PDB file of N, CA and C in Angstrom:
ATOM      1  N   MET A   1       0.825  -1.190   0.000  1.00  0.00           N
ATOM      2  CA  MET A   1       0.000   0.000   0.000  1.00  0.00           C
ATOM      3  C   MET A   1       0.871   1.257   0.000  1.00  0.00           C
ATOM      4  N   SER A   2       1.960   1.233   0.771  1.00  0.00           N
ATOM      5  CA  SER A   2       2.822   2.411   0.822  1.00  0.00           C
ATOM      6  C   SER A   2       3.499   2.651  -0.525  1.00  0.00           C
ATOM      7  N   LEU A   3       3.787   1.592  -1.264  1.00  0.00           N
ATOM      8  CA  LEU A   3       4.388   1.754  -2.585  1.00  0.00           C
ATOM      9  C   LEU A   3       3.416   2.475  -3.519  1.00  0.00           C
ATOM     10  N   LEU A   4       2.155   2.149  -3.433  1.00  0.00           N
ATOM     11  CA  LEU A   4       1.146   2.818  -4.248  1.00  0.00           C
ATOM     12  C   LEU A   4       1.063   4.303  -3.907  1.00  0.00           C
ATOM     13  N   ILE A   5       1.130   4.623  -2.640  1.00  0.00           N
ATOM     14  CA  ILE A   5       1.091   6.027  -2.202  1.00  0.00           C
ATOM     15  C   ILE A   5       2.307   6.779  -2.729  1.00  0.00           C
ATOM     16  N   VAL A   6       3.464   6.152  -2.688  1.00  0.00           N
ATOM     17  CA  VAL A   6       4.683   6.784  -3.189  1.00  0.00           C
ATOM     18  C   VAL A   6       4.582   7.028  -4.696  1.00  0.00           C
ATOM     19  N   ILE A   7       4.062   6.065  -5.427  1.00  0.00           N
ATOM     20  CA  ILE A   7       3.926   6.222  -6.881  1.00  0.00           C
ATOM     21  C   ILE A   7       2.945   7.343  -7.212  1.00  0.00           C
ATOM     22  N   VAL A   8       1.837   7.415  -6.502  1.00  0.00           N
ATOM     23  CA  VAL A   8       0.868   8.486  -6.732  1.00  0.00           C
ATOM     24  C   VAL A   8       1.486   9.842  -6.387  1.00  0.00           C
ATOM     25  N   ALA A   9       2.219   9.926  -5.292  1.00  0.00           N
ATOM     26  CA  ALA A   9       2.857  11.180  -4.900  1.00  0.00           C
ATOM     27  C   ALA A   9       3.882  11.612  -5.943  1.00  0.00           C
ATOM     28  N   MET A  10       4.652  10.672  -6.473  1.00  0.00           N
ATOM     29  CA  MET A  10       5.629  11.005  -7.504  1.00  0.00           C
ATOM     30  C   MET A  10       4.937  11.512  -8.766  1.00  0.00           C
ATOM     31  N   GLY A  11       3.804  10.930  -9.110  1.00  0.00           N
ATOM     32  CA  GLY A  11       3.037  11.398 -10.262  1.00  0.00           C
ATOM     33  C   GLY A  11       2.536  12.814 -10.066  1.00  0.00           C
ATOM     34  N   LEU A  12       2.062  13.108  -8.868  1.00  0.00           N
ATOM     35  CA  LEU A  12       1.594  14.460  -8.570  1.00  0.00           C
ATOM     36  C   LEU A  12       2.735  15.468  -8.627  1.00  0.00           C
ATOM     37  N   LEU A  13       3.874  15.106  -8.069  1.00  0.00           N
ATOM     38  CA  LEU A  13       5.021  16.007  -8.095  1.00  0.00           C
ATOM     39  C   LEU A  13       5.547  16.213  -9.507  1.00  0.00           C
ATOM     40  N   ALA A  14       5.570  15.154 -10.306  1.00  0.00           N
ATOM     41  CA  ALA A  14       6.036  15.285 -11.688  1.00  0.00           C
ATOM     42  C   ALA A  14       5.080  16.163 -12.483  1.00  0.00           C
ATOM     43  N   GLY A  15       3.785  16.017 -12.257  1.00  0.00           N
ATOM     44  CA  GLY A  15       2.804  16.858 -12.932  1.00  0.00           C
ATOM     45  C   GLY A  15       2.933  18.311 -12.529  1.00  0.00           C
ATOM     46  N   ALA A  16       3.199  18.545 -11.264  1.00  0.00           N
ATOM     47  CA  ALA A  16       3.382  19.921 -10.795  1.00  0.00           C
ATOM     48  C   ALA A  16       4.673  20.515 -11.359  1.00  0.00           C
ATOM     49  N   ALA A  17       5.697  19.708 -11.520  1.00  0.00           N
ATOM     50  CA  ALA A  17       6.969  20.198 -12.042  1.00  0.00           C
ATOM     51  C   ALA A  17       6.842  20.628 -13.499  1.00  0.00           C
ATOM     52  N   ILE A  18       5.968  19.982 -14.232  1.00  0.00           N
ATOM     53  CA  ILE A  18       5.787  20.339 -15.643  1.00  0.00           C
ATOM     54  C   ILE A  18       5.208  21.739 -15.780  1.00  0.00           C
ATOM     55  N   HIS A  19       4.372  22.142 -14.831  1.00  0.00           N
ATOM     56  CA  HIS A  19       3.665  23.418 -14.927  1.00  0.00           C
ATOM     57  C   HIS A  19       4.410  24.587 -14.283  1.00  0.00           C
ATOM     58  N   THR A  20       5.589  24.354 -13.755  1.00  0.00           N
ATOM     59  CA  THR A  20       6.359  25.450 -13.161  1.00  0.00           C
ATOM     60  C   THR A  20       7.443  25.907 -14.138  1.00  0.00           C
ATOM     61  N   SER A  21       7.975  27.076 -13.885  1.00  0.00           N
ATOM     62  CA  SER A  21       9.065  27.561 -14.735  1.00  0.00           C
ATOM     63  C   SER A  21      10.365  26.863 -14.344  1.00  0.00           C
ATOM     64  N   MET A  22      11.310  26.888 -15.230  1.00  0.00           N
ATOM     65  CA  MET A  22      12.583  26.195 -14.986  1.00  0.00           C
ATOM     66  C   MET A  22      13.341  26.729 -13.771  1.00  0.00           C
ATOM     67  N   PRO A  23      13.452  28.043 -13.552  1.00  0.00           N
ATOM     68  CA  PRO A  23      14.160  28.514 -12.353  1.00  0.00           C
ATOM     69  C   PRO A  23      13.498  28.059 -11.047  1.00  0.00           C
ATOM     70  N   VAL A  24      12.179  28.051 -11.019  1.00  0.00           N
ATOM     71  CA  VAL A  24      11.464  27.594  -9.816  1.00  0.00           C
ATOM     72  C   VAL A  24      11.712  26.105  -9.600  1.00  0.00           C
ATOM     73  N   PHE A  25      11.640  25.336 -10.668  1.00  0.00           N
ATOM     74  CA  PHE A  25      11.875  23.902 -10.581  1.00  0.00           C
ATOM     75  C   PHE A  25      13.293  23.592 -10.104  1.00  0.00           C
ATOM     76  N   LEU A  26      14.282  24.293 -10.656  1.00  0.00           N
ATOM     77  CA  LEU A  26      15.673  24.045 -10.261  1.00  0.00           C
ATOM     78  C   LEU A  26      15.935  24.473  -8.819  1.00  0.00           C
ATOM     79  N   THR A  27      15.335  25.576  -8.406  1.00  0.00           N
ATOM     80  CA  THR A  27      15.490  26.023  -7.018  1.00  0.00           C
ATOM     81  C   THR A  27      14.882  25.014  -6.053  1.00  0.00           C
ATOM     82  N   ALA A  28      13.687  24.544  -6.353  1.00  0.00           N
ATOM     83  CA  ALA A  28      13.033  23.550  -5.496  1.00  0.00           C
ATOM     84  C   ALA A  28      13.822  22.241  -5.477  1.00  0.00           C
ATOM     85  N   SER A  29      14.330  21.838  -6.632  1.00  0.00           N
ATOM     86  CA  SER A  29      15.128  20.606  -6.699  1.00  0.00           C
ATOM     87  C   SER A  29      16.403  20.720  -5.877  1.00  0.00           C
ATOM     88  N   ALA A  30      17.053  21.871  -5.946  1.00  0.00           N
ATOM     89  CA  ALA A  30      18.273  22.081  -5.164  1.00  0.00           C
ATOM     90  C   ALA A  30      17.970  22.082  -3.674  1.00  0.00           C
ATOM     91  N   ALA A  31      16.861  22.696  -3.288  1.00  0.00           N
ATOM     92  CA  ALA A  31      16.485  22.725  -1.869  1.00  0.00           C
ATOM     93  C   ALA A  31      16.200  21.318  -1.357  1.00  0.00           C
ATOM     94  N   ILE A  32      15.504  20.522  -2.140  1.00  0.00           N
ATOM     95  CA  ILE A  32      15.208  19.143  -1.734  1.00  0.00           C
ATOM     96  C   ILE A  32      16.489  18.320  -1.659  1.00  0.00           C
ATOM     97  N   ALA A  33      17.387  18.496  -2.627  1.00  0.00           N
ATOM     98  CA  ALA A  33      18.647  17.753  -2.617  1.00  0.00           C
ATOM     99  C   ALA A  33      19.492  18.119  -1.400  1.00  0.00           C
ATOM    100  N   LEU A  34      19.553  19.401  -1.064  1.00  0.00           N
ATOM    101  CA  LEU A  34      20.306  19.820   0.125  1.00  0.00           C
ATOM    102  C   LEU A  34      19.702  19.254   1.396  1.00  0.00           C
ATOM    103  N   TRP A  35      18.363  19.249   1.462  1.00  0.00           N
ATOM    104  CA  TRP A  35      17.698  18.696   2.640  1.00  0.00           C
ATOM    105  C   TRP A  35      18.004  17.205   2.772  1.00  0.00           C
ATOM    106  N   LEU A  36      17.963  16.477   1.668  1.00  0.00           N
ATOM    107  CA  LEU A  36      18.260  15.048   1.719  1.00  0.00           C
ATOM    108  C   LEU A  36      19.716  14.787   2.106  1.00  0.00           C
ATOM    109  N   LEU A  37      20.640  15.597   1.601  1.00  0.00           N
ATOM    110  CA  LEU A  37      22.044  15.443   1.984  1.00  0.00           C
ATOM    111  C   LEU A  37      22.251  15.721   3.471  1.00  0.00           C
ATOM    112  N   ALA A  38      21.598  16.765   3.976  1.00  0.00           N
ATOM    113  CA  ALA A  38      21.715  17.082   5.398  1.00  0.00           C
ATOM    114  C   ALA A  38      21.108  15.970   6.248  1.00  0.00           C
ATOM    115  N   PHE A  39      19.983  15.444   5.832  1.00  0.00           N
ATOM    116  CA  PHE A  39      19.343  14.355   6.567  1.00  0.00           C
ATOM    117  C   PHE A  39      20.233  13.115   6.581  1.00  0.00           C
ATOM    118  N   GLY A  40      20.808  12.789   5.422  1.00  0.00           N
ATOM    119  CA  GLY A  40      21.692  11.625   5.343  1.00  0.00           C
ATOM    120  C   GLY A  40      22.930  11.785   6.202  1.00  0.00           C
ATOM    121  N   ALA A  41      23.513  12.976   6.191  1.00  0.00           N
ATOM    122  CA  ALA A  41      24.694  13.223   7.023  1.00  0.00           C
ATOM    123  C   ALA A  41      24.345  13.123   8.500  1.00  0.00           C
ATOM    124  N   ARG A  42      23.197  13.667   8.883  1.00  0.00           N
ATOM    125  CA  ARG A  42      22.778  13.609  10.285  1.00  0.00           C
ATOM    126  C   ARG A  42      22.538  12.167  10.724  1.00  0.00           C
ATOM    127  N   GLU A  43      21.916  11.368   9.857  1.00  0.00           N
ATOM    128  CA  GLU A  43      21.672   9.963  10.186  1.00  0.00           C
ATOM    129  C   GLU A  43      22.991   9.186  10.274  1.00  0.00           C
ATOM    130  N   ARG A  44      23.927   9.467   9.388  1.00  0.00           N
ATOM    131  CA  ARG A  44      25.213   8.771   9.421  1.00  0.00           C
ATOM    132  C   ARG A  44      25.969   9.094  10.709  1.00  0.00           C
ATOM    133  N   ILE A  45      25.929  10.358  11.115  1.00  0.00           N
ATOM    134  CA  ILE A  45      26.584  10.761  12.361  1.00  0.00           C
ATOM    135  C   ILE A  45      25.927  10.098  13.550  1.00  0.00           C
ATOM    136  N   ALA A  46      24.598  10.027  13.540  1.00  0.00           N
ATOM    137  CA  ALA A  46      23.871   9.395  14.641  1.00  0.00           C
ATOM    138  C   ALA A  46      24.196   7.907  14.738  1.00  0.00           C
ATOM    139  N   ARG A  47      24.295   7.238  13.594  1.00  0.00           N
ATOM    140  CA  ARG A  47      24.629   5.809  13.616  1.00  0.00           C
ATOM    141  C   ARG A  47      26.060   5.580  14.084  1.00  0.00           C
ATOM    142  N   ALA A  48      26.967   6.464  13.736  1.00  0.00           N
ATOM    143  CA  ALA A  48      28.355   6.324  14.154  1.00  0.00           C
ATOM    144  C   ALA A  48      28.494   6.499  15.670  1.00  0.00           C
ATOM    145  N   ARG A  49      27.662   7.357  16.240  1.00  0.00           N
ATOM    146  CA  ARG A  49      27.709   7.573  17.686  1.00  0.00           C
ATOM    147  C   ARG A  49      27.170   6.402  18.462  1.00  0.00           C
ATOM    148  N   HIS A  50      26.227   5.654  17.885  1.00  0.00           N
ATOM    149  CA  HIS A  50      25.604   4.541  18.591  1.00  0.00           C
ATOM    150  C   HIS A  50      26.416   3.247  18.491  1.00  0.00           C
ATOM    151  N   ARG A  51      27.460   3.248  17.720  1.00  0.00           N
ATOM    152  CA  ARG A  51      28.259   2.027  17.593  1.00  0.00           C
ATOM    153  C   ARG A  51      29.234   1.896  18.686  1.00  0.00           C
TER     154      ARG A  51
END
């Protein structure tokens, strides 16, 4: 069920990306990428501390 929700969400996001201008799309993509990198780094640090 969660896979279906993820696929539907990706479809909605892809549809929304088509209707935005390129600078807005690139800015949002960069913000999401930075957030994911920060989240991954924070999780890696947390796992290293628990070992």
